[in-house]
N, C-alpha and C. Protein backbone atom coordinates (compact mmCIF):
# COMPACT_ATOMS: atom_id res chain seq x y z
N MET A 1 -29.97 1.59 -6.87
CA MET A 1 -28.77 0.71 -7.30
C MET A 1 -27.55 1.14 -6.79
N SER A 2 -26.11 1.35 -6.35
CA SER A 2 -24.40 1.50 -6.08
C SER A 2 -24.45 1.82 -6.65
N ARG A 3 -23.12 3.04 -7.20
CA ARG A 3 -22.59 3.30 -8.14
C ARG A 3 -21.28 2.59 -7.50
N LEU A 4 -20.67 2.09 -8.62
CA LEU A 4 -19.26 1.22 -8.79
C LEU A 4 -18.22 2.41 -8.67
N THR A 5 -17.66 2.75 -7.55
CA THR A 5 -16.87 4.59 -7.71
C THR A 5 -15.02 4.47 -7.48
N GLU A 6 -13.95 4.90 -8.30
CA GLU A 6 -13.26 4.65 -7.94
C GLU A 6 -12.31 4.39 -6.99
N SER A 7 -12.64 5.61 -5.74
CA SER A 7 -12.63 4.83 -4.29
C SER A 7 -12.93 4.04 -3.36
N ALA A 8 -13.81 3.09 -4.37
CA ALA A 8 -14.43 2.00 -3.67
C ALA A 8 -13.52 0.67 -3.92
N ILE A 9 -13.45 0.66 -5.53
CA ILE A 9 -12.07 0.38 -5.51
C ILE A 9 -10.60 -0.49 -5.54
N GLU A 10 -9.87 0.95 -4.78
CA GLU A 10 -9.08 1.00 -4.25
C GLU A 10 -9.32 0.99 -2.82
N GLU A 11 -10.42 0.90 -2.16
CA GLU A 11 -10.64 0.49 -0.93
C GLU A 11 -10.86 -1.03 -0.37
N PHE A 12 -11.44 -1.53 -1.64
CA PHE A 12 -11.69 -3.02 -1.94
C PHE A 12 -10.14 -4.05 -2.06
N ALA A 13 -9.64 -3.47 -2.97
CA ALA A 13 -7.86 -3.44 -3.55
C ALA A 13 -6.78 -3.94 -2.24
N ILE A 14 -6.71 -2.57 -0.85
CA ILE A 14 -6.82 -2.13 0.39
C ILE A 14 -6.91 -3.90 0.73
N LYS A 15 -8.05 -3.79 1.09
CA LYS A 15 -8.63 -4.99 2.39
C LYS A 15 -7.70 -6.23 1.12
N LEU A 16 -7.87 -6.30 0.35
CA LEU A 16 -7.91 -7.22 -0.18
C LEU A 16 -5.71 -7.81 -0.27
N PHE A 17 -5.10 -7.37 -0.61
CA PHE A 17 -4.16 -6.57 -0.01
C PHE A 17 -2.85 -7.34 0.87
N GLU A 18 -4.46 -6.52 1.99
CA GLU A 18 -3.80 -6.62 3.49
C GLU A 18 -4.13 -8.10 3.81
N ARG A 19 -5.66 -8.53 3.69
CA ARG A 19 -5.96 -10.30 3.80
C ARG A 19 -4.66 -10.80 3.66
N LEU A 20 -4.11 -10.63 2.78
CA LEU A 20 -2.35 -11.34 1.44
C LEU A 20 -2.48 -11.24 2.15
N GLY A 21 -1.82 -9.89 4.07
CA GLY A 21 0.12 -9.96 4.09
C GLY A 21 0.02 -8.58 3.94
N TYR A 22 0.40 -7.72 2.86
CA TYR A 22 0.72 -6.96 2.84
C TYR A 22 0.24 -5.71 3.76
N SER A 23 0.56 -4.91 4.33
CA SER A 23 0.57 -3.73 4.56
C SER A 23 0.59 -2.61 3.75
N TYR A 24 0.09 -1.68 4.58
CA TYR A 24 -0.79 0.24 3.48
C TYR A 24 -0.13 0.99 4.15
N VAL A 25 0.51 1.45 3.10
CA VAL A 25 1.38 2.35 3.79
C VAL A 25 0.68 4.06 3.21
N TYR A 26 0.35 5.06 3.02
CA TYR A 26 0.21 5.77 2.15
C TYR A 26 0.48 7.15 2.13
N ALA A 27 0.73 7.15 0.59
CA ALA A 27 2.19 7.46 -0.17
C ALA A 27 2.42 9.21 0.24
N PRO A 28 1.66 10.13 0.32
CA PRO A 28 2.84 11.40 1.95
C PRO A 28 3.82 11.19 3.18
N ASP A 29 3.32 9.09 3.35
CA ASP A 29 3.76 9.28 4.45
C ASP A 29 5.28 8.50 4.55
N ILE A 30 5.35 8.04 3.47
CA ILE A 30 6.67 7.92 2.40
C ILE A 30 8.14 9.17 1.81
N THR A 31 8.53 9.82 2.89
CA THR A 31 9.55 9.74 2.23
C THR A 31 11.02 9.54 1.38
N LEU A 32 11.95 10.02 1.15
CA LEU A 32 12.97 9.53 0.04
C LEU A 32 14.46 9.62 1.34
N ASP A 33 13.80 10.10 1.98
CA ASP A 33 15.56 10.42 2.59
C ASP A 33 14.76 9.82 4.58
N ASP A 34 13.68 8.44 4.19
CA ASP A 34 13.23 8.23 5.13
C ASP A 34 14.31 6.82 5.89
N LYS A 35 15.01 6.76 7.03
CA LYS A 35 16.09 5.80 6.91
C LYS A 35 15.55 4.31 7.03
N ASN A 36 13.89 3.99 6.91
CA ASN A 36 13.91 2.80 7.34
C ASN A 36 13.12 2.81 6.04
N LEU A 37 13.23 3.67 5.08
CA LEU A 37 12.55 3.71 3.25
C LEU A 37 12.82 1.73 2.89
N GLU A 38 14.11 1.86 2.82
CA GLU A 38 14.85 -0.26 2.51
C GLU A 38 13.82 -1.11 2.72
N ARG A 39 14.68 -1.05 4.40
CA ARG A 39 13.96 -1.98 5.01
C ARG A 39 12.45 -2.20 4.82
N ASN A 40 11.65 -1.22 5.10
CA ASN A 40 10.21 -1.12 5.24
C ASN A 40 9.62 -1.57 3.50
N LEU A 41 10.40 -1.55 2.38
CA LEU A 41 10.31 -1.67 1.61
C LEU A 41 10.55 -3.05 0.37
N THR A 42 11.55 -3.59 1.69
CA THR A 42 12.41 -4.10 0.40
C THR A 42 12.12 -5.88 1.62
N ASN A 43 10.92 -6.01 2.59
CA ASN A 43 10.93 -6.69 4.17
C ASN A 43 10.84 -8.59 3.49
N GLY A 44 10.60 -7.87 2.24
CA GLY A 44 9.86 -9.46 1.43
C GLY A 44 8.84 -9.48 0.96
N LYS A 45 8.14 -8.22 1.15
CA LYS A 45 6.74 -7.70 0.65
C LYS A 45 6.66 -7.01 -0.44
N VAL A 46 7.12 -5.69 -0.90
CA VAL A 46 7.15 -4.97 -2.26
C VAL A 46 8.84 -3.94 -2.21
N ARG A 47 9.29 -4.50 -3.20
CA ARG A 47 10.53 -4.18 -3.88
C ARG A 47 10.78 -3.03 -4.89
N VAL A 48 10.99 -1.83 -4.15
CA VAL A 48 11.13 -0.29 -5.01
C VAL A 48 12.40 -0.33 -6.24
N VAL A 49 11.88 -0.91 -7.51
CA VAL A 49 13.55 -0.60 -8.11
C VAL A 49 13.94 0.41 -8.59
């Protein structure tokens, strides 16, 4: 019997949201001084408050 791990759940959630039209961005690749940050995060997909 295979074990249910945190990484398996995370991978499942990422794939599920990608199928719903969201894009996956690896967190360390997002910087606070990124000029495209606001555009990338507020393009109707994700809003950061």
